[in-house]
Structures are given as C-alpha cells and as structure tokens.
Amino acid sequence: MAGSEEQRIIARGLHSPGPLLLVKKKLDEFKGRHIRVIVSSDDAADEIVDFFMKMGAKVEIDNAGDDIHVVVDLTESGEDA
C-alpha cells in the first residue's frame, strides 16, 4: 500500500451499526482503492471486516492503543470504489 493514497474514516466512539453506516456513506463518494477505518470496538471492526470481505477486498486489522484500524485494499475487489 506504500505510495498510494489512503482514505481515512474515523468512526471512533460510535456504537454499532454507526461505523458501518458511516463507511457505506463515505464509500459512495470515495474513488480510491485503500481505506483505513478507525473504530473503538471489536464489534464495529468485525462488522466492517465482514462487509469488505463480502466485496472481495483484502482486509487487515491493526491495533493502535485503544483504537482498532481496519485496513482495506479494494484493488482486487472488482468494485468501482
């Protein structure tokens, strides 16, 4: 992912399904291939991971302090995101 622009979506502090709804809204207006979603709970991270995996995206989880970063690569998903 080095050298590519990454869209950040900060959904920290939102309870489910808030982070997923925010991701879906932002995804409609985003044209890039790499997304980092920052959430505060395992439940929110799991929902986002499931959503992107169903799209065929490569998804990784990165913990940073109290935050959970869901790192998404849409390059191989076939989506026009």
Protein backbone atom coordinates (compact mmCIF):
# COMPACT_ATOMS: atom_id res chain seq x y z
CA MET A 1 0.00 0.00 0.00
CA ALA A 2 3.04 2.25 0.12
CA GLY A 3 2.86 5.20 -2.21
CA SER A 4 -0.91 5.05 -2.62
CA GLU A 5 -3.41 7.46 -1.20
CA GLU A 6 -5.42 6.10 1.68
CA GLN A 7 -8.87 7.35 2.66
CA ARG A 8 -9.34 7.53 6.44
CA ILE A 9 -12.72 7.16 8.03
CA ILE A 10 -12.74 7.94 11.73
CA ALA A 11 -15.64 6.21 13.44
CA ARG A 12 -14.07 6.16 16.88
CA GLY A 13 -16.62 6.27 19.70
CA LEU A 14 -19.59 5.26 17.54
CA HIS A 15 -21.62 2.23 18.56
CA SER A 16 -22.74 -0.43 16.06
CA PRO A 17 -24.12 -0.07 13.45
CA GLY A 18 -22.88 3.55 13.30
CA PRO A 19 -19.36 2.82 11.99
CA LEU A 20 -20.65 0.54 9.22
CA LEU A 21 -23.29 3.08 8.17
CA LEU A 22 -20.61 5.78 8.04
CA VAL A 23 -18.37 3.54 5.92
CA LYS A 24 -21.21 2.82 3.47
CA LYS A 25 -21.99 6.55 3.15
CA LYS A 26 -18.34 7.51 2.60
CA LEU A 27 -17.76 4.63 0.18
CA ASP A 28 -20.33 6.12 -2.21
CA GLU A 29 -18.29 9.33 -2.51
CA PHE A 30 -14.79 7.79 -2.42
CA LYS A 31 -12.87 6.94 -5.59
CA GLY A 32 -9.70 5.43 -4.13
CA ARG A 33 -8.60 1.86 -3.54
CA HIS A 34 -7.29 1.97 0.04
CA ILE A 35 -9.33 2.72 3.14
CA ARG A 36 -8.45 2.82 6.84
CA VAL A 37 -11.42 2.78 9.21
CA ILE A 38 -10.66 3.67 12.82
CA VAL A 39 -13.11 2.27 15.37
CA SER A 40 -13.25 1.77 19.13
CA SER A 41 -14.86 -1.65 19.47
CA ASP A 42 -14.31 -5.20 18.30
CA ASP A 43 -17.99 -5.44 17.25
CA ALA A 44 -17.67 -2.44 14.94
CA ALA A 45 -14.42 -3.78 13.48
CA ASP A 46 -15.99 -7.21 12.87
CA GLU A 47 -18.96 -5.68 11.03
CA ILE A 48 -16.67 -3.64 8.79
CA VAL A 49 -14.38 -6.61 8.11
CA ASP A 50 -17.38 -8.77 7.14
CA PHE A 51 -18.74 -6.03 4.86
CA PHE A 52 -15.50 -5.61 2.94
CA MET A 53 -14.71 -9.33 2.78
CA LYS A 54 -18.08 -9.93 1.12
CA MET A 55 -16.96 -7.39 -1.51
CA GLY A 56 -13.83 -9.47 -2.11
CA ALA A 57 -11.47 -6.87 -0.63
CA LYS A 58 -8.26 -7.66 1.23
CA VAL A 59 -8.73 -6.66 4.88
CA GLU A 60 -6.26 -6.41 7.76
CA ILE A 61 -6.72 -5.44 11.41
CA ASP A 62 -4.19 -3.21 13.14
CA ASN A 63 -4.46 -2.32 16.83
CA ALA A 64 -3.15 1.09 17.87
CA GLY A 65 -3.64 1.78 21.55
CA ASP A 66 -7.36 1.69 22.29
CA ASP A 67 -8.23 2.04 18.61
CA ILE A 68 -8.77 -0.68 16.05
CA HIS A 69 -7.75 0.12 12.48
CA VAL A 70 -9.46 -1.84 9.72
CA VAL A 71 -7.17 -1.51 6.70
CA VAL A 72 -8.88 -2.28 3.38
CA ASP A 73 -7.40 -2.82 -0.07
CA LEU A 74 -10.11 -2.66 -2.74
CA THR A 75 -7.67 -3.26 -5.61
CA GLU A 76 -8.78 -6.83 -6.21
CA SER A 77 -12.43 -6.49 -5.21
CA GLY A 78 -13.70 -5.51 -8.63
CA GLU A 79 -15.61 -2.62 -7.08
CA ASP A 80 -15.53 0.86 -8.58
CA ALA A 81 -14.76 2.42 -5.21
